[in-house]
N, C-alpha and C. Protein backbone atom coordinates (compact mmCIF):
# COMPACT_ATOMS: atom_id res chain seq x y z
N MET A 1 108.02 36.25 -94.05
CA MET A 1 108.76 34.93 -93.66
C MET A 1 109.90 35.03 -93.09
N ASN A 2 110.24 34.63 -91.23
CA ASN A 2 111.18 34.48 -90.98
C ASN A 2 112.17 33.05 -91.03
N ASN A 3 113.37 33.46 -90.21
CA ASN A 3 114.17 32.68 -90.28
C ASN A 3 113.94 30.62 -90.05
N LYS A 4 112.99 31.28 -89.38
CA LYS A 4 112.08 29.75 -88.46
C LYS A 4 110.75 29.74 -89.79
N GLU A 5 110.72 30.48 -90.18
CA GLU A 5 109.61 29.94 -90.27
C GLU A 5 109.91 29.21 -91.93
N PHE A 6 111.29 29.38 -92.37
CA PHE A 6 112.20 29.38 -94.23
C PHE A 6 112.80 27.89 -93.48
N ILE A 7 113.05 27.91 -92.59
CA ILE A 7 113.98 26.99 -92.16
C ILE A 7 112.52 25.58 -92.57
N ALA A 8 112.29 25.38 -91.42
CA ALA A 8 110.46 24.60 -91.65
C ALA A 8 110.77 24.02 -93.10
N GLU A 9 109.77 25.36 -93.89
CA GLU A 9 109.29 25.02 -94.91
C GLU A 9 110.72 24.24 -96.12
N LEU A 10 111.71 24.13 -96.10
CA LEU A 10 112.62 23.76 -96.51
C LEU A 10 112.96 22.87 -95.81
N ALA A 11 113.02 22.40 -94.56
CA ALA A 11 113.03 20.96 -93.87
C ALA A 11 112.38 20.05 -94.45
N GLU A 12 110.95 20.76 -94.50
CA GLU A 12 109.88 20.02 -94.69
C GLU A 12 109.74 19.39 -96.44
N ARG A 13 110.76 20.58 -97.74
CA ARG A 13 110.77 20.51 -98.82
C ARG A 13 112.38 18.94 -99.25
N THR A 14 113.11 19.12 -98.13
CA THR A 14 113.78 18.68 -98.58
C THR A 14 114.01 17.53 -98.40
N GLY A 15 113.06 16.88 -96.61
CA GLY A 15 112.61 15.63 -95.86
C GLY A 15 114.08 15.89 -95.23
N PHE A 16 114.58 16.74 -94.94
CA PHE A 16 116.32 16.39 -94.30
C PHE A 16 114.81 17.62 -92.33
N ASN A 17 115.46 17.30 -91.43
CA ASN A 17 115.35 17.40 -89.84
C ASN A 17 115.64 19.63 -90.00
N ALA A 18 115.29 20.16 -89.59
CA ALA A 18 115.22 21.29 -89.01
C ALA A 18 116.15 21.53 -87.95
N LYS A 19 117.67 20.92 -87.42
CA LYS A 19 118.42 20.84 -86.69
C LYS A 19 119.17 20.88 -87.94
N ASP A 20 119.71 20.22 -88.87
CA ASP A 20 120.12 19.44 -90.23
C ASP A 20 120.40 20.74 -91.25
N THR A 21 119.14 21.07 -91.29
CA THR A 21 118.99 21.96 -92.13
C THR A 21 119.58 23.80 -92.04
N GLN A 22 118.98 23.67 -90.69
CA GLN A 22 119.14 25.31 -90.08
C GLN A 22 121.34 25.26 -90.72
N LYS A 23 122.13 24.37 -90.23
CA LYS A 23 123.53 24.00 -90.70
C LYS A 23 123.53 23.98 -91.84
N LEU A 24 123.31 23.62 -93.02
CA LEU A 24 122.77 23.63 -94.10
C LEU A 24 123.22 25.26 -94.58
N VAL A 25 121.62 25.60 -94.46
CA VAL A 25 121.60 27.41 -94.86
C VAL A 25 122.42 28.37 -93.56
N ASN A 26 122.97 27.92 -92.63
CA ASN A 26 124.46 28.79 -92.15
C ASN A 26 126.06 28.67 -93.33
N ASN A 27 125.42 26.86 -93.57
CA ASN A 27 127.74 27.28 -94.03
C ASN A 27 126.87 27.78 -95.55
N LEU A 28 126.09 27.64 -96.40
CA LEU A 28 125.73 28.53 -97.76
C LEU A 28 125.96 29.71 -96.70
N ILE A 29 125.20 30.70 -95.84
CA ILE A 29 125.79 32.15 -96.05
C ILE A 29 127.35 31.93 -95.73
N ASP A 30 127.61 31.51 -94.89
CA ASP A 30 129.17 31.46 -94.54
C ASP A 30 129.85 31.34 -95.60
N ALA A 31 129.50 30.94 -96.71
CA ALA A 31 130.63 30.55 -97.80
C ALA A 31 130.33 31.35 -98.57
N MET A 32 128.82 32.34 -98.86
CA MET A 32 128.44 33.29 -99.64
C MET A 32 129.06 34.35 -99.11
N GLY A 33 129.13 34.96 -97.70
CA GLY A 33 130.22 35.93 -97.41
C GLY A 33 131.62 35.73 -97.60
N ASP A 34 132.10 34.45 -97.63
CA ASP A 34 133.23 34.60 -97.90
C ASP A 34 133.93 34.57 -99.10
N ALA A 35 132.33 34.36 -100.19
CA ALA A 35 132.49 35.04 -101.72
C ALA A 35 132.87 36.14 -102.30
N PHE A 36 131.86 36.99 -101.31
CA PHE A 36 131.67 39.10 -101.12
C PHE A 36 132.93 39.05 -100.41
N GLN A 37 133.12 38.59 -99.98
CA GLN A 37 134.72 39.12 -98.94
C GLN A 37 135.70 39.43 -100.04
N GLU A 38 135.95 38.15 -101.06
CA GLU A 38 136.56 37.61 -101.87
C GLU A 38 136.67 38.91 -103.05
N ASP A 39 135.73 39.55 -103.55
CA ASP A 39 134.97 40.00 -104.35
C ASP A 39 134.51 39.06 -105.47
N ASN A 40 134.38 38.16 -105.37
CA ASN A 40 134.16 37.16 -106.74
C ASN A 40 131.94 37.26 -106.50
N SER A 41 131.70 37.09 -107.72
CA SER A 41 129.86 37.08 -107.69
C SER A 41 130.02 35.64 -107.81
N ILE A 42 128.18 35.04 -107.03
CA ILE A 42 127.44 34.14 -107.10
C ILE A 42 126.71 34.09 -107.84
N MET A 43 126.33 33.44 -109.29
CA MET A 43 125.77 32.79 -109.85
C MET A 43 124.59 31.64 -110.06
N VAL A 44 123.76 31.69 -109.11
CA VAL A 44 122.15 30.16 -108.88
C VAL A 44 121.55 30.48 -109.38
N ALA A 45 121.75 29.23 -110.37
CA ALA A 45 120.87 28.84 -111.63
C ALA A 45 118.88 28.79 -111.09
N ASN A 46 118.78 29.44 -112.63
CA ASN A 46 117.24 29.66 -112.28
C ASN A 46 116.68 31.25 -111.43
N PHE A 47 117.87 30.97 -110.74
CA PHE A 47 117.82 32.44 -109.86
C PHE A 47 118.34 33.81 -109.58
N GLY A 48 119.33 34.20 -109.87
CA GLY A 48 119.90 35.40 -110.02
C GLY A 48 121.36 34.96 -109.53
N VAL A 49 121.86 36.96 -109.73
CA VAL A 49 123.54 36.99 -109.58
C VAL A 49 123.15 38.09 -108.22
N PHE A 50 124.65 37.73 -107.55
CA PHE A 50 124.48 37.70 -106.05
C PHE A 50 126.04 38.96 -106.99
N GLU A 51 126.61 40.05 -106.66
CA GLU A 51 127.71 40.51 -106.90
C GLU A 51 127.98 41.76 -105.83
N THR A 52 129.26 42.28 -106.02
CA THR A 52 129.93 43.50 -105.09
C THR A 52 130.10 44.50 -105.76
N LYS A 53 129.25 45.10 -105.43
CA LYS A 53 130.32 46.67 -106.45
C LYS A 53 130.27 47.78 -105.79
N LYS A 54 131.72 48.23 -106.30
CA LYS A 54 131.72 49.44 -105.40
C LYS A 54 131.34 50.56 -105.72
N LYS A 55 130.46 51.26 -104.93
CA LYS A 55 130.28 52.90 -105.49
C LYS A 55 131.10 53.91 -105.15
N MET A 56 131.58 54.67 -106.10
CA MET A 56 132.76 55.63 -105.84
C MET A 56 132.31 56.74 -104.96
N GLU A 57 134.08 57.05 -104.49
CA GLU A 57 133.51 58.46 -103.86
C GLU A 57 132.43 59.71 -103.75
N ARG A 58 131.54 59.79 -103.44
CA ARG A 58 131.19 61.07 -103.73
C ARG A 58 130.52 62.86 -102.54
N ILE A 59 130.18 63.89 -103.00
CA ILE A 59 130.29 64.63 -102.30
C ILE A 59 128.49 63.98 -101.75
N MET A 60 128.51 64.91 -99.97
CA MET A 60 127.28 65.02 -100.30
C MET A 60 126.82 66.27 -99.42
N VAL A 61 125.95 66.93 -99.29
CA VAL A 61 125.25 68.05 -98.98
C VAL A 61 124.47 67.69 -97.45
N ASN A 62 124.75 67.92 -96.31
CA ASN A 62 124.01 67.95 -94.96
C ASN A 62 123.08 68.87 -95.36
N PRO A 63 121.94 68.54 -95.34
CA PRO A 63 120.31 69.40 -95.76
C PRO A 63 120.35 70.93 -94.92
N SER A 64 120.46 70.08 -93.38
CA SER A 64 119.99 70.95 -92.40
C SER A 64 121.63 72.31 -92.04
N THR A 65 122.21 71.68 -92.37
CA THR A 65 123.63 72.75 -92.10
C THR A 65 124.61 73.41 -93.85
N GLY A 66 124.66 72.69 -94.54
CA GLY A 66 124.48 73.09 -95.79
C GLY A 66 125.47 72.29 -96.02
N GLN A 67 126.30 71.90 -95.60
CA GLN A 67 127.59 71.36 -95.20
C GLN A 67 127.80 70.67 -96.05
N ARG A 68 129.13 70.26 -96.91
CA ARG A 68 129.32 69.47 -97.72
C ARG A 68 130.63 68.72 -97.11
N MET A 69 130.10 67.19 -97.07
CA MET A 69 130.78 66.14 -97.22
C MET A 69 131.66 65.46 -97.56
N LEU A 70 132.48 64.45 -98.32
CA LEU A 70 133.04 63.86 -99.14
C LEU A 70 132.75 62.08 -97.97
N VAL A 71 132.02 61.90 -99.35
CA VAL A 71 131.56 60.43 -99.06
C VAL A 71 132.44 58.74 -99.00
N PRO A 72 133.29 58.84 -98.28
CA PRO A 72 134.83 57.58 -99.59
C PRO A 72 133.59 56.43 -100.11
N PRO A 73 134.26 55.79 -100.99
CA PRO A 73 134.37 55.12 -101.18
C PRO A 73 134.52 53.77 -100.97
N LYS A 74 133.42 52.10 -101.52
CA LYS A 74 132.42 51.52 -100.33
C LYS A 74 132.11 50.52 -101.72
N LEU A 75 131.78 49.22 -100.92
CA LEU A 75 131.66 47.65 -101.83
C LEU A 75 129.89 47.75 -101.14
N VAL A 76 129.40 47.66 -101.75
CA VAL A 76 127.65 47.02 -101.70
C VAL A 76 127.64 45.83 -102.42
N LEU A 77 126.07 45.34 -101.80
CA LEU A 77 125.97 44.01 -101.99
C LEU A 77 124.59 44.39 -103.20
N ASN A 78 124.82 43.45 -104.31
CA ASN A 78 123.96 43.75 -105.87
C ASN A 78 123.21 42.45 -105.86
N PHE A 79 121.99 42.35 -106.10
CA PHE A 79 121.64 40.82 -106.38
C PHE A 79 120.62 41.61 -106.96
N LYS A 80 121.18 40.67 -108.90
CA LYS A 80 120.00 40.49 -110.42
C LYS A 80 119.37 39.84 -110.53
N PRO A 81 117.99 39.42 -110.29
CA PRO A 81 117.20 38.36 -110.52
C PRO A 81 117.43 38.22 -112.08
N ASN A 82 117.05 36.54 -111.90
CA ASN A 82 117.34 36.04 -113.68
C ASN A 82 115.64 36.95 -114.36
N GLN A 83 115.69 36.28 -114.92
CA GLN A 83 114.69 37.55 -116.09
C GLN A 83 113.11 36.54 -116.11
N THR A 84 113.01 35.81 -115.76
CA THR A 84 111.98 35.13 -115.16
C THR A 84 111.23 35.51 -114.12
N TRP A 85 112.34 35.80 -113.66
CA TRP A 85 111.58 35.78 -111.82
C TRP A 85 111.41 37.26 -111.83
N LYS A 86 111.35 38.13 -112.80
CA LYS A 86 111.43 39.30 -113.22
C LYS A 86 109.95 39.79 -113.65
N ASP A 87 109.75 38.38 -114.75
CA ASP A 87 108.27 38.54 -115.99
C ASP A 87 107.52 38.36 -114.89
N LYS A 88 107.77 37.28 -113.60
CA LYS A 88 106.47 36.20 -112.46
C LYS A 88 106.53 37.91 -112.09
N LEU A 89 107.30 38.56 -111.32
CA LEU A 89 107.18 39.61 -110.37
C LEU A 89 106.35 40.69 -110.77
N LYS A 90 106.17 41.43 -112.13
CA LYS A 90 106.39 41.93 -113.02
C LYS A 90 105.11 41.47 -113.53
N GLY A 91 104.17 40.22 -113.32
CA GLY A 91 103.15 40.16 -113.79
C GLY A 91 102.57 39.93 -113.12
N GLY A 92 102.60 39.38 -111.70
CA GLY A 92 102.04 39.40 -110.82
C GLY A 92 101.63 38.17 -110.10
N GLN A 93 102.16 36.95 -110.84
CA GLN A 93 102.35 36.21 -110.57
C GLN A 93 102.60 35.08 -109.09
């Protein structure tokens, strides 16, 4: 499902027009991005938790040259689904 299809489906379910729904989704994504930059996690009830995690620095080896390089630490976005969704996906529902 692409963005246009998602907005159309969401607009149909909520009863809003597509333009207002697009604004709502954009504002939601902007707010989530701001929270992630402040290192806050976001829990969406009955869906899951979005959080930032810090990956520690590590040494990697270039397989073609054998050269060792230090990879600096970085923040990555992580999603942990609700147990109900895990069970639904595992069961193939």
